[in-house]
Amino acid sequence: MSIVTDLLARPGVIAAGEYAYRGDRFSYRGVLTEEHARMASIICRATTMSVNMEGGMLEALRPRNGLHPARGWVVYGPSHTVCVMANVFCMIDNAKGSINDIVRFMRGTLTHASTHLI
């Protein structure tokens, strides 16, 4: 099974997908339309690039701070959460799933995912 399929099987995950770091390809499953999935992949890629840039800047200010390279990011809203690690994104319904469980699962699954293309 793929990480996307595994994520969708977890409680609260309403959509999941993967995107290319170069920005020209994506795949997804879940409740998103094709257009919304395309926009989500663009947003996730842009935010991942920004988070990595900020981690690099913090590393320059304080070497070996543990924030670079960034492994992922989370945006927690009142009803939904977006969680991204490596080039995988998932959207969570906060009322139905545990963010901690999803992050733990993604960390365990994507620990060795390469970030050298960022």
N, C-alpha and C. Protein backbone atom coordinates (compact mmCIF):
# COMPACT_ATOMS: atom_id res chain seq x y z
N MET A 1 0.84 -1.19 0.00
CA MET A 1 0.00 0.00 0.00
C MET A 1 0.88 1.25 0.00
N SER A 2 0.33 2.32 -0.47
CA SER A 2 1.06 3.58 -0.51
C SER A 2 0.80 4.38 0.75
N ILE A 3 1.63 5.36 1.01
CA ILE A 3 1.45 6.24 2.16
C ILE A 3 0.11 6.96 2.07
N VAL A 4 -0.31 7.34 0.88
CA VAL A 4 -1.59 8.04 0.71
C VAL A 4 -2.74 7.12 1.12
N THR A 5 -2.72 5.88 0.67
CA THR A 5 -3.75 4.91 1.05
C THR A 5 -3.73 4.67 2.55
N ASP A 6 -2.54 4.52 3.11
CA ASP A 6 -2.42 4.31 4.56
C ASP A 6 -2.96 5.50 5.34
N LEU A 7 -2.67 6.71 4.89
CA LEU A 7 -3.18 7.90 5.58
C LEU A 7 -4.70 7.96 5.52
N LEU A 8 -5.27 7.68 4.36
CA LEU A 8 -6.73 7.75 4.22
C LEU A 8 -7.45 6.74 5.10
N ALA A 9 -6.76 5.67 5.48
CA ALA A 9 -7.37 4.66 6.35
C ALA A 9 -7.37 5.10 7.82
N ARG A 10 -6.68 6.16 8.14
CA ARG A 10 -6.59 6.62 9.52
C ARG A 10 -7.77 7.52 9.85
N PRO A 11 -8.26 7.45 11.09
CA PRO A 11 -9.42 8.26 11.48
C PRO A 11 -9.16 9.76 11.31
N GLY A 12 -10.12 10.44 10.71
CA GLY A 12 -10.06 11.88 10.57
C GLY A 12 -9.42 12.39 9.31
N VAL A 13 -8.65 11.57 8.60
CA VAL A 13 -7.99 12.03 7.37
C VAL A 13 -9.03 12.07 6.26
N ILE A 14 -9.23 13.25 5.68
CA ILE A 14 -10.24 13.41 4.64
C ILE A 14 -9.63 13.47 3.24
N ALA A 15 -8.34 13.76 3.15
CA ALA A 15 -7.65 13.78 1.86
C ALA A 15 -6.15 13.64 2.11
N ALA A 16 -5.47 13.06 1.14
CA ALA A 16 -4.02 12.91 1.23
C ALA A 16 -3.46 12.86 -0.18
N GLY A 17 -2.20 13.26 -0.30
CA GLY A 17 -1.59 13.23 -1.62
C GLY A 17 -0.09 13.43 -1.57
N GLU A 18 0.51 13.36 -2.73
CA GLU A 18 1.94 13.59 -2.89
C GLU A 18 2.13 14.63 -3.99
N TYR A 19 3.20 15.40 -3.89
CA TYR A 19 3.49 16.40 -4.91
C TYR A 19 4.97 16.34 -5.25
N ALA A 20 5.28 16.76 -6.47
CA ALA A 20 6.67 16.81 -6.91
C ALA A 20 7.29 18.12 -6.43
N TYR A 21 8.51 18.06 -5.95
CA TYR A 21 9.19 19.28 -5.50
C TYR A 21 9.34 20.29 -6.64
N ARG A 22 9.44 19.80 -7.85
CA ARG A 22 9.59 20.74 -8.97
C ARG A 22 8.25 21.35 -9.37
N GLY A 23 7.15 20.87 -8.81
CA GLY A 23 5.86 21.53 -8.95
C GLY A 23 5.01 21.15 -10.13
N ASP A 24 5.41 20.16 -10.92
CA ASP A 24 4.64 19.86 -12.13
C ASP A 24 3.74 18.63 -12.02
N ARG A 25 3.84 17.88 -10.94
CA ARG A 25 3.03 16.68 -10.81
C ARG A 25 2.50 16.55 -9.39
N PHE A 26 1.34 15.89 -9.27
CA PHE A 26 0.78 15.57 -7.97
C PHE A 26 -0.18 14.41 -8.11
N SER A 27 -0.44 13.73 -7.02
CA SER A 27 -1.47 12.70 -6.97
C SER A 27 -2.18 12.86 -5.63
N TYR A 28 -3.43 12.43 -5.57
CA TYR A 28 -4.19 12.59 -4.33
C TYR A 28 -5.35 11.61 -4.31
N ARG A 29 -5.90 11.44 -3.13
CA ARG A 29 -7.14 10.70 -2.92
C ARG A 29 -7.90 11.41 -1.82
N GLY A 30 -9.21 11.29 -1.84
CA GLY A 30 -10.01 11.89 -0.79
C GLY A 30 -11.07 12.83 -1.34
N VAL A 31 -11.54 13.73 -0.48
CA VAL A 31 -12.71 14.56 -0.79
C VAL A 31 -12.40 15.82 -1.61
N LEU A 32 -11.18 16.02 -2.03
CA LEU A 32 -10.84 17.20 -2.82
C LEU A 32 -11.22 17.02 -4.28
N THR A 33 -11.60 18.12 -4.92
CA THR A 33 -11.75 18.10 -6.37
C THR A 33 -10.36 18.11 -6.99
N GLU A 34 -10.28 17.79 -8.26
CA GLU A 34 -8.99 17.82 -8.97
C GLU A 34 -8.34 19.21 -8.87
N GLU A 35 -9.14 20.25 -9.05
CA GLU A 35 -8.62 21.62 -8.99
C GLU A 35 -8.14 21.97 -7.58
N HIS A 36 -8.90 21.60 -6.57
CA HIS A 36 -8.48 21.89 -5.19
C HIS A 36 -7.23 21.09 -4.82
N ALA A 37 -7.13 19.87 -5.30
CA ALA A 37 -5.93 19.07 -5.05
C ALA A 37 -4.72 19.71 -5.74
N ARG A 38 -4.90 20.21 -6.94
CA ARG A 38 -3.82 20.90 -7.64
C ARG A 38 -3.37 22.13 -6.87
N MET A 39 -4.34 22.93 -6.40
CA MET A 39 -4.00 24.12 -5.61
C MET A 39 -3.33 23.73 -4.30
N ALA A 40 -3.83 22.67 -3.65
CA ALA A 40 -3.22 22.22 -2.39
C ALA A 40 -1.77 21.80 -2.62
N SER A 41 -1.50 21.10 -3.71
CA SER A 41 -0.13 20.67 -3.97
C SER A 41 0.79 21.86 -4.23
N ILE A 42 0.29 22.88 -4.91
CA ILE A 42 1.08 24.09 -5.16
C ILE A 42 1.36 24.82 -3.85
N ILE A 43 0.33 24.96 -3.02
CA ILE A 43 0.48 25.62 -1.72
C ILE A 43 1.45 24.85 -0.84
N CYS A 44 1.31 23.52 -0.81
CA CYS A 44 2.19 22.70 0.02
C CYS A 44 3.64 22.81 -0.44
N ARG A 45 3.86 22.78 -1.73
CA ARG A 45 5.23 22.92 -2.25
C ARG A 45 5.81 24.28 -1.89
N ALA A 46 5.04 25.35 -2.11
CA ALA A 46 5.53 26.70 -1.81
C ALA A 46 5.83 26.86 -0.32
N THR A 47 4.95 26.35 0.52
CA THR A 47 5.16 26.47 1.97
C THR A 47 6.36 25.64 2.40
N THR A 48 6.51 24.45 1.84
CA THR A 48 7.68 23.61 2.16
C THR A 48 8.97 24.33 1.80
N MET A 49 8.99 24.97 0.64
CA MET A 49 10.17 25.72 0.23
C MET A 49 10.45 26.87 1.20
N SER A 50 9.40 27.57 1.63
CA SER A 50 9.55 28.69 2.57
C SER A 50 10.04 28.21 3.93
N VAL A 51 9.46 27.13 4.42
CA VAL A 51 9.87 26.58 5.72
C VAL A 51 11.34 26.17 5.68
N ASN A 52 11.76 25.56 4.57
CA ASN A 52 13.17 25.17 4.45
C ASN A 52 14.08 26.38 4.38
N MET A 53 13.65 27.44 3.70
CA MET A 53 14.44 28.67 3.65
C MET A 53 14.58 29.27 5.05
N GLU A 54 13.47 29.32 5.79
CA GLU A 54 13.50 29.86 7.14
C GLU A 54 14.38 29.02 8.05
N GLY A 55 14.32 27.69 7.90
CA GLY A 55 15.19 26.82 8.68
C GLY A 55 16.65 27.09 8.38
N GLY A 56 16.97 27.31 7.11
CA GLY A 56 18.33 27.65 6.71
C GLY A 56 18.80 28.97 7.30
N MET A 57 17.89 29.94 7.34
CA MET A 57 18.23 31.24 7.93
C MET A 57 18.49 31.10 9.43
N LEU A 58 17.65 30.33 10.11
CA LEU A 58 17.85 30.11 11.54
C LEU A 58 19.14 29.34 11.80
N GLU A 59 19.47 28.41 10.91
CA GLU A 59 20.72 27.66 11.02
C GLU A 59 21.92 28.60 10.89
N ALA A 60 21.81 29.60 10.03
CA ALA A 60 22.90 30.57 9.87
C ALA A 60 23.07 31.41 11.13
N LEU A 61 21.97 31.71 11.81
CA LEU A 61 22.04 32.50 13.04
C LEU A 61 22.52 31.68 14.23
N ARG A 62 22.09 30.44 14.27
CA ARG A 62 22.46 29.56 15.38
C ARG A 62 22.71 28.16 14.82
N PRO A 63 23.95 27.86 14.48
CA PRO A 63 24.28 26.56 13.88
C PRO A 63 23.86 25.39 14.77
N ARG A 64 23.51 24.29 14.10
CA ARG A 64 23.10 23.04 14.77
C ARG A 64 21.90 23.24 15.70
N ASN A 65 20.94 24.05 15.27
CA ASN A 65 19.77 24.31 16.10
C ASN A 65 18.70 23.22 15.96
N GLY A 66 18.88 22.30 15.03
CA GLY A 66 17.94 21.21 14.86
C GLY A 66 16.74 21.53 13.99
N LEU A 67 16.73 22.70 13.37
CA LEU A 67 15.59 23.08 12.53
C LEU A 67 15.88 22.99 11.04
N HIS A 68 17.10 22.63 10.68
CA HIS A 68 17.45 22.56 9.26
C HIS A 68 18.18 21.27 8.97
N PRO A 69 17.78 20.51 7.99
CA PRO A 69 16.65 20.80 7.11
C PRO A 69 15.32 20.46 7.78
N ALA A 70 14.34 21.27 7.49
CA ALA A 70 13.00 21.03 8.04
C ALA A 70 12.44 19.74 7.46
N ARG A 71 11.76 18.96 8.27
CA ARG A 71 11.18 17.69 7.82
C ARG A 71 9.70 17.82 7.46
N GLY A 72 9.07 18.92 7.89
CA GLY A 72 7.66 19.09 7.58
C GLY A 72 7.08 20.29 8.30
N TRP A 73 5.76 20.45 8.19
CA TRP A 73 5.08 21.56 8.83
C TRP A 73 3.61 21.21 9.01
N VAL A 74 2.96 21.95 9.93
CA VAL A 74 1.54 21.73 10.25
C VAL A 74 0.85 23.08 10.37
N VAL A 75 -0.35 23.18 9.81
CA VAL A 75 -1.21 24.34 10.03
C VAL A 75 -2.48 23.81 10.68
N TYR A 76 -2.72 24.25 11.92
CA TYR A 76 -3.85 23.78 12.71
C TYR A 76 -4.91 24.87 12.76
N GLY A 77 -6.07 24.58 12.20
CA GLY A 77 -7.18 25.53 12.21
C GLY A 77 -8.27 25.07 13.16
N PRO A 78 -9.35 25.84 13.28
CA PRO A 78 -10.41 25.50 14.22
C PRO A 78 -11.11 24.18 13.89
N SER A 79 -11.21 23.83 12.62
CA SER A 79 -11.91 22.59 12.29
C SER A 79 -11.07 21.60 11.47
N HIS A 80 -10.04 22.09 10.81
CA HIS A 80 -9.21 21.22 9.98
C HIS A 80 -7.73 21.54 10.15
N THR A 81 -6.91 20.55 9.82
CA THR A 81 -5.46 20.68 9.91
C THR A 81 -4.83 20.19 8.62
N VAL A 82 -3.79 20.86 8.18
CA VAL A 82 -2.97 20.39 7.07
C VAL A 82 -1.63 19.97 7.65
N CYS A 83 -1.21 18.77 7.32
CA CYS A 83 0.06 18.24 7.80
C CYS A 83 0.88 17.80 6.59
N VAL A 84 2.12 18.28 6.53
CA VAL A 84 3.00 17.95 5.40
C VAL A 84 4.33 17.45 5.94
N MET A 85 4.78 16.32 5.41
CA MET A 85 6.12 15.81 5.68
C MET A 85 6.69 15.30 4.37
N ALA A 86 7.96 15.63 4.16
CA ALA A 86 8.61 15.33 2.88
C ALA A 86 7.74 15.93 1.78
N ASN A 87 7.28 15.14 0.84
CA ASN A 87 6.41 15.65 -0.22
C ASN A 87 5.00 15.05 -0.14
N VAL A 88 4.58 14.72 1.06
CA VAL A 88 3.26 14.12 1.31
C VAL A 88 2.43 15.08 2.14
N PHE A 89 1.17 15.29 1.72
CA PHE A 89 0.27 16.14 2.49
C PHE A 89 -0.97 15.37 2.89
N CYS A 90 -1.56 15.76 4.01
CA CYS A 90 -2.86 15.21 4.38
C CYS A 90 -3.67 16.30 5.06
N MET A 91 -4.97 16.18 4.92
CA MET A 91 -5.92 17.10 5.53
C MET A 91 -6.75 16.31 6.52
N ILE A 92 -6.87 16.88 7.72
CA ILE A 92 -7.49 16.17 8.83
C ILE A 92 -8.70 16.94 9.32
N ASP A 93 -9.79 16.22 9.60
CA ASP A 93 -10.95 16.78 10.28
C ASP A 93 -10.64 16.68 11.77
N ASN A 94 -10.42 17.81 12.44
CA ASN A 94 -9.99 17.81 13.83
C ASN A 94 -10.94 17.08 14.77
N ALA A 95 -12.25 17.11 14.47
CA ALA A 95 -13.23 16.47 15.34
C ALA A 95 -13.19 14.94 15.23
N LYS A 96 -12.60 14.43 14.17
CA LYS A 96 -12.65 12.98 13.93
C LYS A 96 -11.30 12.28 14.03
N GLY A 97 -10.23 13.03 14.11
CA GLY A 97 -8.92 12.41 14.13
C GLY A 97 -7.97 13.07 15.10
N SER A 98 -6.89 12.37 15.39
CA SER A 98 -5.86 12.87 16.30
C SER A 98 -4.66 13.36 15.49
N ILE A 99 -4.38 14.64 15.61
CA ILE A 99 -3.23 15.21 14.91
C ILE A 99 -1.95 14.51 15.37
N ASN A 100 -1.84 14.27 16.66
CA ASN A 100 -0.64 13.61 17.18
C ASN A 100 -0.44 12.23 16.55
N ASP A 101 -1.53 11.47 16.41
CA ASP A 101 -1.42 10.14 15.79
C ASP A 101 -0.99 10.23 14.33
N ILE A 102 -1.54 11.20 13.61
CA ILE A 102 -1.19 11.36 12.19
C ILE A 102 0.27 11.79 12.05
N VAL A 103 0.70 12.75 12.85
CA VAL A 103 2.10 13.21 12.79
C VAL A 103 3.03 12.06 13.16
N ARG A 104 2.70 11.30 14.19
CA ARG A 104 3.52 10.16 14.59
C ARG A 104 3.63 9.15 13.45
N PHE A 105 2.50 8.85 12.82
CA PHE A 105 2.50 7.91 11.70
C PHE A 105 3.35 8.43 10.54
N MET A 106 3.17 9.69 10.18
CA MET A 106 3.94 10.25 9.07
C MET A 106 5.43 10.30 9.39
N ARG A 107 5.76 10.66 10.61
CA ARG A 107 7.19 10.69 11.00
C ARG A 107 7.79 9.31 10.89
N GLY A 108 7.06 8.30 11.37
CA GLY A 108 7.57 6.94 11.32
C GLY A 108 7.72 6.42 9.90
N THR A 109 6.79 6.77 9.05
CA THR A 109 6.79 6.29 7.68
C THR A 109 7.77 7.05 6.79
N LEU A 110 7.92 8.33 7.02
CA LEU A 110 8.71 9.19 6.13
C LEU A 110 10.06 9.61 6.72
N THR A 111 10.50 8.94 7.76
CA THR A 111 11.75 9.29 8.43
C THR A 111 12.92 9.38 7.46
N HIS A 112 12.99 8.46 6.54
CA HIS A 112 14.15 8.40 5.64
C HIS A 112 13.88 9.01 4.27
N ALA A 113 12.76 9.71 4.14
CA ALA A 113 12.45 10.36 2.85
C ALA A 113 13.49 11.44 2.56
N SER A 114 13.94 11.47 1.34
CA SER A 114 14.96 12.44 0.95
C SER A 114 14.37 13.84 0.82
N THR A 115 15.14 14.81 1.27
CA THR A 115 14.75 16.21 1.09
C THR A 115 15.76 16.94 0.20
N HIS A 116 16.64 16.21 -0.44
CA HIS A 116 17.70 16.86 -1.22
C HIS A 116 17.18 17.58 -2.46
N LEU A 117 15.96 17.33 -2.88
CA LEU A 117 15.42 18.02 -4.06
C LEU A 117 14.81 19.36 -3.73
N ILE A 118 14.67 19.68 -2.44
CA ILE A 118 14.05 20.94 -2.04
C ILE A 118 15.00 22.08 -2.34
